[in-house]
Amino acid sequence: MPVSDKMRMFAEKSSWIRKMFEEGARMKAKYGAENVFDFSLGNPDAPPPKAYETVIREIIEDTSPGVHSYMPNGGYPWVREAIAQRMSVEQEMPISNGDMLMTCGAAGGLNIVMKAILNPGDEVIILAPYFVEYGFYIDNHGGVAKVVSTDKEFNLDLKAIEAAISEKTRAIIINSPNNPCGQVYSEKALIELGQLLETMESKYSSMIFMLSDEPYRKIIYDNYTVPSIFKAYTNSIVVSSYSKDLSLPGERIGYLAVHPKMQDKAQLLDALTLANRILGFVNAPALMQRVVAELQDEVVDINLYARRKELMCGILKDAGIEFTEPKGAFYVFPKSPIADDVKFVAMLQEERILAVPGVGFGSPGYLRIAFCVPEEVIINSADSFKRVMAKVAAL
């Protein structure tokens, strides 16, 4: 057999979104794309800000010698400085370019963090519902993912987190705004989490990192704010990208920042920089580093996603589907009206609606609906959702 047992197992575990994609292609070919309501993929479709077009044209025309050469593995210092200035405002404390690295997206950033901090068998807590790739990133570097559920509204369950922490715990990953549920953790909850981690560090005489995965930080609704992670906890690392707020997922450009007051920060940054190189990233894409440096104050049209959120939530409410309204990102994570979320997703498919069962995000009994789709797709799905719920009522 040409592939390892582990990769075959991983392929099975990560198959839900792929299955929905394949089913969507089949249904669109059979019924026509306009007759299929595909909410399966979190692929941002808002156009990049207009300033992006101007900046990238100017940078492409730069033919200076060495413009495509290698640079320091952590990225161009002046690019990091531009991001550090913006992050200093977000995190409410001074951050320098020396606290940062440019990465191949947030995924690349999370992988180099895992490479830098994990010994074989170390545990990383992930909070359900979670981005499905977290477990794979942890396993890539010898770690063990330990899943802890959030509460019924997807807020932090500090007692459950405390019960999960052991002498093997090396980190906890938080994702706020969250994929798949759109929850934003409050400042109070993050401060309490930071205090808990400090207590556990003392108990086990070990360092426990808080890793904040923040690609949706700027996609926020209804005047909510995303609190500073650095203010909540010193042993923290922020990882992010421009995939969502600039709609550049295919360009694989991101960054990470280490808390400026972290103990042994220099040693960690050296390890992160080495990991960036030896994992094969070498450095983040040079062209896109230069582009994003000029776009720190830019963001896609959030109003576009806000309108879609209101439409989607209104349709779910009218259909009688229970949900917690998202505060950010571009997903809603409704509760399945029947216990078997996989069966309910199959019922939706009968009405040409594509969603992803919650079991794929560590939360059976729910489903993810991605509303980063044209408004007419959302509007035209309303009757189909009602028909499905009528079938549920008849069960």
Protein backbone atom coordinates (compact mmCIF):
# COMPACT_ATOMS: atom_id res chain seq x y z
CA MET A 1 0.00 0.00 0.00
CA PRO A 2 1.56 3.33 -1.07
CA VAL A 3 0.50 5.46 1.93
CA SER A 4 1.00 5.13 5.67
CA ASP A 5 -1.69 3.84 8.02
CA LYS A 6 -1.66 7.22 9.78
CA MET A 7 -2.37 9.14 6.57
CA ARG A 8 -5.22 6.79 5.67
CA MET A 9 -6.68 7.35 9.14
CA PHE A 10 -6.24 11.12 8.79
CA ALA A 11 -7.95 11.08 5.39
CA GLU A 12 -10.97 9.43 6.97
CA LYS A 13 -11.07 11.89 9.88
CA SER A 14 -10.82 14.95 7.64
CA SER A 15 -13.28 13.73 5.04
CA TRP A 16 -16.41 15.68 5.94
CA ILE A 17 -15.63 18.94 4.17
CA ARG A 18 -14.16 17.03 1.23
CA LYS A 19 -17.30 14.88 1.04
CA MET A 20 -19.48 17.98 1.00
CA PHE A 21 -17.33 19.52 -1.73
CA GLU A 22 -17.62 16.41 -3.87
CA GLU A 23 -21.34 16.14 -3.24
CA GLY A 24 -21.75 19.79 -4.18
CA ALA A 25 -19.97 19.27 -7.49
CA ARG A 26 -22.20 16.29 -8.25
CA MET A 27 -25.41 18.12 -7.36
CA LYS A 28 -24.47 21.25 -9.31
CA ALA A 29 -23.76 19.17 -12.40
CA LYS A 30 -27.12 17.42 -12.03
CA TYR A 31 -29.40 20.29 -11.02
CA GLY A 32 -27.49 23.41 -12.10
CA ALA A 33 -25.39 25.54 -9.77
CA GLU A 34 -28.22 28.06 -9.31
CA ASN A 35 -30.41 25.31 -7.83
CA VAL A 36 -27.93 24.13 -5.19
CA PHE A 37 -27.41 26.00 -1.90
CA ASP A 38 -23.81 25.30 -1.02
CA PHE A 39 -22.82 26.47 2.48
CA SER A 40 -20.06 23.89 2.93
CA LEU A 41 -16.82 25.78 2.32
CA GLY A 42 -15.32 28.66 4.30
CA ASN A 43 -13.83 30.24 1.20
CA PRO A 44 -13.95 34.05 1.55
CA ASP A 45 -15.58 35.56 -1.52
CA ALA A 46 -15.52 39.25 -0.61
CA PRO A 47 -13.16 41.03 -3.03
CA PRO A 48 -9.88 42.33 -1.60
CA PRO A 49 -9.89 46.05 -0.73
CA LYS A 50 -9.41 48.36 -3.72
CA ALA A 51 -6.08 49.51 -2.33
CA TYR A 52 -4.78 45.96 -2.86
CA GLU A 53 -4.94 46.32 -6.64
CA THR A 54 -2.97 49.55 -6.59
CA VAL A 55 -0.33 48.25 -4.20
CA ILE A 56 0.28 44.95 -5.96
CA ARG A 57 0.62 46.62 -9.36
CA GLU A 58 3.24 49.00 -8.00
CA ILE A 59 5.19 46.22 -6.32
CA ILE A 60 5.10 43.93 -9.35
CA GLU A 61 6.63 46.72 -11.43
CA ASP A 62 9.61 46.95 -9.08
CA THR A 63 12.51 45.26 -10.88
CA SER A 64 15.25 46.27 -8.47
CA PRO A 65 18.18 43.81 -8.18
CA GLY A 66 17.56 41.19 -5.51
CA VAL A 67 13.86 41.93 -5.17
CA HIS A 68 13.10 38.19 -5.35
CA SER A 69 16.06 37.04 -3.27
CA TYR A 70 16.09 35.20 0.02
CA MET A 71 15.58 37.33 3.07
CA PRO A 72 15.94 36.58 6.81
CA ASN A 73 13.92 33.44 7.58
CA GLY A 74 11.65 35.47 9.84
CA GLY A 75 10.74 37.87 7.05
CA TYR A 76 11.66 41.41 6.03
CA PRO A 77 12.28 43.50 9.19
CA TRP A 78 10.45 46.52 7.78
CA VAL A 79 7.39 44.40 7.00
CA ARG A 80 7.38 43.04 10.53
CA GLU A 81 7.71 46.59 11.85
CA ALA A 82 4.60 47.68 9.94
CA ILE A 83 2.60 44.81 11.41
CA ALA A 84 4.05 45.36 14.89
CA GLN A 85 2.84 48.96 14.89
CA ARG A 86 -0.71 47.87 14.10
CA MET A 87 -0.58 45.00 16.59
CA SER A 88 0.66 47.33 19.31
CA VAL A 89 -2.72 49.08 19.10
CA GLU A 90 -4.69 45.82 18.97
CA GLN A 91 -2.82 44.21 21.86
CA GLU A 92 -2.58 47.46 23.86
CA MET A 93 1.17 47.22 24.49
CA PRO A 94 4.35 47.99 22.53
CA ILE A 95 5.38 45.23 20.12
CA SER A 96 8.55 45.41 18.06
CA ASN A 97 9.54 43.79 14.79
CA GLY A 98 11.83 41.53 16.82
CA ASP A 99 8.79 39.98 18.49
CA MET A 100 7.41 38.80 15.14
CA LEU A 101 7.87 36.40 12.23
CA MET A 102 6.25 36.30 8.81
CA THR A 103 4.74 32.90 8.03
CA CYS A 104 3.08 30.93 5.25
CA GLY A 105 -0.39 31.69 6.49
CA ALA A 106 -1.73 31.00 9.98
CA ALA A 107 -1.41 27.27 9.25
CA GLY A 108 2.31 27.65 8.68
CA GLY A 109 2.53 29.75 11.83
CA LEU A 110 0.79 27.15 13.99
CA ASN A 111 3.03 24.41 12.62
CA ILE A 112 6.24 26.25 13.43
CA VAL A 113 4.94 26.95 16.94
CA MET A 114 4.24 23.24 17.45
CA LYS A 115 7.67 22.35 16.08
CA ALA A 116 9.32 24.82 18.44
CA ILE A 117 7.53 23.97 21.70
CA LEU A 118 6.50 20.28 21.65
CA ASN A 119 8.33 17.26 22.91
CA PRO A 120 6.91 13.83 21.98
CA GLY A 121 3.77 13.14 24.00
CA ASP A 122 3.18 16.73 25.07
CA GLU A 123 -0.50 17.67 25.14
CA VAL A 124 -2.21 20.62 23.48
CA ILE A 125 -5.77 21.48 24.53
CA ILE A 126 -8.16 22.34 21.70
CA LEU A 127 -11.66 23.67 22.34
CA ALA A 128 -14.66 22.11 20.63
CA PRO A 129 -15.99 23.18 18.25
CA TYR A 130 -12.56 23.54 16.65
CA PHE A 131 -10.95 24.01 13.26
CA VAL A 132 -10.46 20.45 12.05
CA GLU A 133 -6.78 20.85 11.12
CA TYR A 134 -5.60 21.59 14.67
CA GLY A 135 -5.28 17.92 15.55
CA PHE A 136 -3.16 17.27 12.49
CA TYR A 137 -0.84 20.19 13.19
CA ILE A 138 -0.29 18.93 16.73
CA ASP A 139 0.36 15.37 15.56
CA ASN A 140 2.80 16.63 12.91
CA HIS A 141 5.22 17.46 15.72
CA GLY A 142 4.69 14.57 18.12
CA GLY A 143 2.03 16.17 20.27
CA VAL A 144 -1.32 14.85 21.47
CA ALA A 145 -4.53 16.84 21.03
CA LYS A 146 -6.77 16.92 24.09
CA VAL A 147 -10.30 18.05 23.27
CA VAL A 148 -12.31 20.13 25.76
CA SER A 149 -15.85 21.24 25.00
CA THR A 150 -17.06 24.81 25.39
CA ASP A 151 -20.42 25.59 26.99
CA LYS A 152 -23.82 25.60 25.28
CA GLU A 153 -23.19 29.06 23.81
CA PHE A 154 -19.61 28.13 22.86
CA ASN A 155 -18.00 30.20 25.61
CA LEU A 156 -14.96 28.99 27.55
CA ASP A 157 -15.68 26.33 30.17
CA LEU A 158 -12.89 27.06 32.65
CA LYS A 159 -13.71 24.15 34.93
CA ALA A 160 -13.47 21.72 32.03
CA ILE A 161 -10.20 23.28 30.91
CA GLU A 162 -8.78 23.04 34.43
CA ALA A 163 -9.75 19.36 34.62
CA ALA A 164 -7.95 18.69 31.33
CA ILE A 165 -4.63 20.31 32.29
CA SER A 166 -1.91 17.92 33.43
CA GLU A 167 1.86 17.78 33.76
CA LYS A 168 1.93 16.98 30.04
CA THR A 169 0.02 20.13 28.99
CA ARG A 170 2.17 22.40 26.85
CA ALA A 171 -0.38 24.73 25.24
CA ILE A 172 -4.00 25.60 24.65
CA ILE A 173 -5.25 26.87 21.28
CA ILE A 174 -8.02 29.45 21.26
CA ASN A 175 -9.72 30.66 18.09
CA SER A 176 -11.75 33.85 18.49
CA PRO A 177 -13.71 34.77 16.40
CA ASN A 178 -14.24 31.06 16.07
CA ASN A 179 -14.47 28.75 13.09
CA PRO A 180 -17.05 27.14 13.03
CA CYS A 181 -19.35 28.97 15.47
CA GLY A 182 -18.43 32.67 15.26
CA GLN A 183 -18.12 33.08 19.04
CA VAL A 184 -15.84 35.80 20.45
CA TYR A 185 -14.41 35.14 23.90
CA SER A 186 -14.86 38.00 26.35
CA GLU A 187 -12.01 39.91 27.97
CA LYS A 188 -13.14 38.63 31.36
CA ALA A 189 -13.04 35.01 30.19
CA LEU A 190 -9.57 35.41 28.69
CA ILE A 191 -8.19 37.04 31.84
CA GLU A 192 -9.64 34.19 33.92
CA LEU A 193 -8.10 31.68 31.52
CA GLY A 194 -4.75 33.44 31.87
CA GLN A 195 -5.02 33.28 35.67
CA LEU A 196 -5.86 29.58 35.47
CA LEU A 197 -2.84 28.88 33.27
CA GLU A 198 -0.58 30.79 35.65
CA THR A 199 -1.87 28.66 38.53
CA MET A 200 -1.31 25.46 36.56
CA GLU A 201 2.19 26.56 35.57
CA SER A 202 3.03 26.94 39.25
CA LYS A 203 1.41 23.63 40.12
CA TYR A 204 3.35 21.65 37.52
CA SER A 205 6.49 23.82 37.36
CA SER A 206 6.14 24.02 33.60
CA MET A 207 5.46 26.59 30.88
CA ILE A 208 2.00 26.49 29.29
CA PHE A 209 1.40 28.60 26.18
CA MET A 210 -1.82 30.27 25.12
CA LEU A 211 -1.91 30.21 21.32
CA SER A 212 -4.43 32.57 19.78
CA ASP A 213 -5.38 31.79 16.17
CA GLU A 214 -6.83 35.08 14.89
CA PRO A 215 -7.43 35.13 11.11
CA TYR A 216 -10.99 36.42 11.68
CA ARG A 217 -10.04 39.20 14.14
CA LYS A 218 -11.25 42.00 11.86
CA ILE A 219 -14.43 40.24 10.71
CA ILE A 220 -16.64 41.24 13.61
CA TYR A 221 -20.30 42.27 13.96
CA ASP A 222 -22.65 44.32 16.13
CA ASN A 223 -19.94 46.45 17.77
CA TYR A 224 -18.26 43.49 19.45
CA THR A 225 -14.52 43.71 20.00
CA VAL A 226 -11.80 41.05 20.10
CA PRO A 227 -9.87 41.50 23.36
CA SER A 228 -6.10 41.59 23.69
CA ILE A 229 -4.57 38.18 24.32
CA PHE A 230 -1.29 39.71 25.46
CA LYS A 231 -3.05 41.66 28.23
CA ALA A 232 -4.64 38.43 29.47
CA TYR A 233 -1.52 36.25 29.70
CA THR A 234 2.23 36.68 29.35
CA ASN A 235 3.11 33.27 27.89
CA SER A 236 0.99 33.89 24.81
CA ILE A 237 1.53 33.81 21.07
CA VAL A 238 -0.74 35.33 18.42
CA VAL A 239 -0.91 33.64 15.02
CA SER A 240 -2.85 35.17 12.15
CA SER A 241 -3.06 35.67 8.39
CA TYR A 242 -4.49 37.87 5.66
CA SER A 243 -6.65 35.07 4.25
CA LYS A 244 -9.89 36.48 5.61
CA ASP A 245 -9.51 40.21 6.34
CA LEU A 246 -7.90 40.90 2.94
CA SER A 247 -9.49 37.89 1.14
CA LEU A 248 -6.11 36.46 0.16
CA PRO A 249 -6.33 32.79 1.26
CA GLY A 250 -4.48 31.47 -1.77
CA GLU A 251 -1.48 33.73 -1.22
CA ARG A 252 -0.50 31.95 2.02
CA ILE A 253 0.73 35.00 3.88
CA GLY A 254 0.54 35.33 7.65
CA TYR A 255 2.52 36.17 10.77
CA LEU A 256 2.98 35.41 14.43
CA ALA A 257 3.90 37.55 17.43
CA VAL A 258 5.31 36.50 20.78
CA HIS A 259 4.36 38.40 23.93
CA PRO A 260 7.08 41.06 24.34
CA LYS A 261 7.55 40.29 28.05
CA MET A 262 7.67 36.51 27.78
CA GLN A 263 10.49 34.88 29.72
CA ASP A 264 13.16 33.32 27.44
CA LYS A 265 11.50 35.06 24.49
CA ALA A 266 14.76 35.20 22.47
CA GLN A 267 15.24 31.44 22.74
CA LEU A 268 11.67 30.80 21.57
CA LEU A 269 11.98 33.21 18.65
CA ASP A 270 15.22 31.53 17.57
CA ALA A 271 13.45 28.16 17.61
CA LEU A 272 10.48 29.54 15.66
CA THR A 273 12.77 31.05 13.04
CA LEU A 274 14.66 27.77 12.67
CA ALA A 275 11.39 25.85 12.41
CA ASN A 276 10.22 28.22 9.67
CA ARG A 277 13.29 27.17 7.68
CA ILE A 278 13.62 23.46 8.38
CA LEU A 279 9.94 22.68 7.86
CA GLY A 280 10.49 23.78 4.28
CA PHE A 281 8.72 27.13 4.38
CA VAL A 282 12.18 28.86 4.31
CA ASN A 283 10.40 32.21 4.46
CA ALA A 284 6.96 33.64 3.79
CA PRO A 285 6.29 34.71 0.17
CA ALA A 286 8.42 37.77 -0.56
CA LEU A 287 5.97 39.47 -2.92
CA MET A 288 3.06 39.21 -0.51
CA GLN A 289 5.15 40.38 2.42
CA ARG A 290 5.76 43.62 0.57
CA VAL A 291 2.08 43.89 -0.36
CA VAL A 292 0.58 43.42 3.10
CA ALA A 293 3.06 45.86 4.64
CA GLU A 294 1.21 48.60 2.75
CA LEU A 295 -2.28 47.40 3.72
CA GLN A 296 -2.28 47.35 7.52
CA ASP A 297 -5.25 49.71 7.75
CA GLU A 298 -7.27 47.93 5.05
CA VAL A 299 -9.98 45.30 5.38
CA VAL A 300 -12.62 43.76 3.15
CA ASP A 301 -16.15 45.18 3.22
CA ILE A 302 -17.41 43.75 6.52
CA ASN A 303 -20.89 45.08 5.74
CA LEU A 304 -21.14 42.49 2.98
CA TYR A 305 -20.69 39.64 5.46
CA ALA A 306 -22.88 41.39 8.04
CA ARG A 307 -25.80 41.53 5.59
CA ARG A 308 -25.35 37.84 4.81
CA LYS A 309 -25.25 36.99 8.50
CA GLU A 310 -28.55 38.78 9.06
CA LEU A 311 -30.12 37.02 6.08
CA MET A 312 -28.88 33.60 7.12
CA CYS A 313 -29.90 34.00 10.74
CA GLY A 314 -33.32 35.25 9.69
CA ILE A 315 -33.88 32.22 7.47
CA LEU A 316 -32.80 29.80 10.19
CA LYS A 317 -35.03 31.53 12.73
CA ASP A 318 -38.04 31.44 10.38
CA ALA A 319 -37.43 27.75 9.76
CA GLY A 320 -37.35 27.04 13.49
CA ILE A 321 -33.69 26.00 13.69
CA GLU A 322 -31.97 26.80 17.00
CA PHE A 323 -28.66 28.68 16.85
CA THR A 324 -26.36 31.07 18.70
CA GLU A 325 -25.89 34.20 16.62
CA PRO A 326 -22.25 34.58 15.54
CA LYS A 327 -20.31 37.62 16.71
CA GLY A 328 -17.62 37.27 14.09
CA ALA A 329 -16.20 35.19 11.20
CA PHE A 330 -18.63 34.04 8.48
CA TYR A 331 -20.20 30.90 9.90
CA VAL A 332 -23.22 29.98 11.96
CA PHE A 333 -23.26 26.71 13.91
CA PRO A 334 -26.90 25.70 14.45
CA LYS A 335 -28.04 22.88 16.65
CA SER A 336 -29.28 19.90 14.69
CA PRO A 337 -33.04 19.45 15.31
CA ILE A 338 -32.40 15.70 15.55
CA ALA A 339 -29.66 14.04 17.60
CA ASP A 340 -27.88 12.66 14.55
CA ASP A 341 -26.26 15.66 12.82
CA VAL A 342 -25.00 13.47 9.95
CA LYS A 343 -28.55 12.31 9.25
CA PHE A 344 -29.85 15.88 9.36
CA VAL A 345 -27.15 17.04 6.93
CA ALA A 346 -28.28 14.21 4.62
CA MET A 347 -31.86 15.50 4.91
CA LEU A 348 -30.64 18.95 3.93
CA GLN A 349 -28.95 17.46 0.88
CA GLU A 350 -32.31 16.08 -0.24
CA GLU A 351 -33.40 19.71 -0.49
CA ARG A 352 -30.09 20.64 -2.23
CA ILE A 353 -28.62 22.35 0.82
CA LEU A 354 -24.99 21.57 1.63
CA ALA A 355 -23.67 22.00 5.17
CA VAL A 356 -21.03 20.22 7.25
CA PRO A 357 -21.97 18.06 10.24
CA GLY A 358 -20.72 19.22 13.61
CA VAL A 359 -19.02 15.91 14.27
CA GLY A 360 -16.32 17.09 11.86
CA PHE A 361 -15.54 19.95 14.27
CA GLY A 362 -15.62 17.83 17.43
CA SER A 363 -19.21 18.84 18.26
CA PRO A 364 -21.77 16.23 17.20
CA GLY A 365 -25.34 17.45 17.25
CA TYR A 366 -24.53 20.66 15.35
CA LEU A 367 -23.76 21.68 11.78
CA ARG A 368 -21.70 24.42 10.18
CA ILE A 369 -23.19 26.78 7.63
CA ALA A 370 -20.73 29.09 5.84
CA PHE A 371 -22.47 32.26 4.68
CA CYS A 372 -19.55 33.57 2.61
CA VAL A 373 -21.67 32.99 -0.50
CA PRO A 374 -23.69 35.27 -2.79
CA GLU A 375 -26.79 36.72 -1.15
CA GLU A 376 -29.12 35.10 -3.69
CA VAL A 377 -27.89 31.66 -2.57
CA ILE A 378 -28.91 32.48 1.01
CA ILE A 379 -32.25 34.04 0.04
CA ASN A 380 -33.22 31.22 -2.32
CA SER A 381 -32.49 28.57 0.31
CA ALA A 382 -35.29 29.72 2.64
CA ASP A 383 -38.04 27.42 1.33
CA SER A 384 -35.69 24.44 1.30
CA PHE A 385 -34.85 24.92 4.99
CA LYS A 386 -38.57 25.10 5.80
CA ARG A 387 -39.29 21.89 3.87
CA VAL A 388 -36.55 20.07 5.74
CA MET A 389 -37.94 21.19 9.07
CA ALA A 390 -41.40 20.03 8.02
CA LYS A 391 -39.88 16.59 7.37
CA VAL A 392 -38.26 16.66 10.80
CA ALA A 393 -41.62 17.48 12.39
CA ALA A 394 -43.14 14.47 10.65
CA LEU A 395 -40.54 12.02 11.99
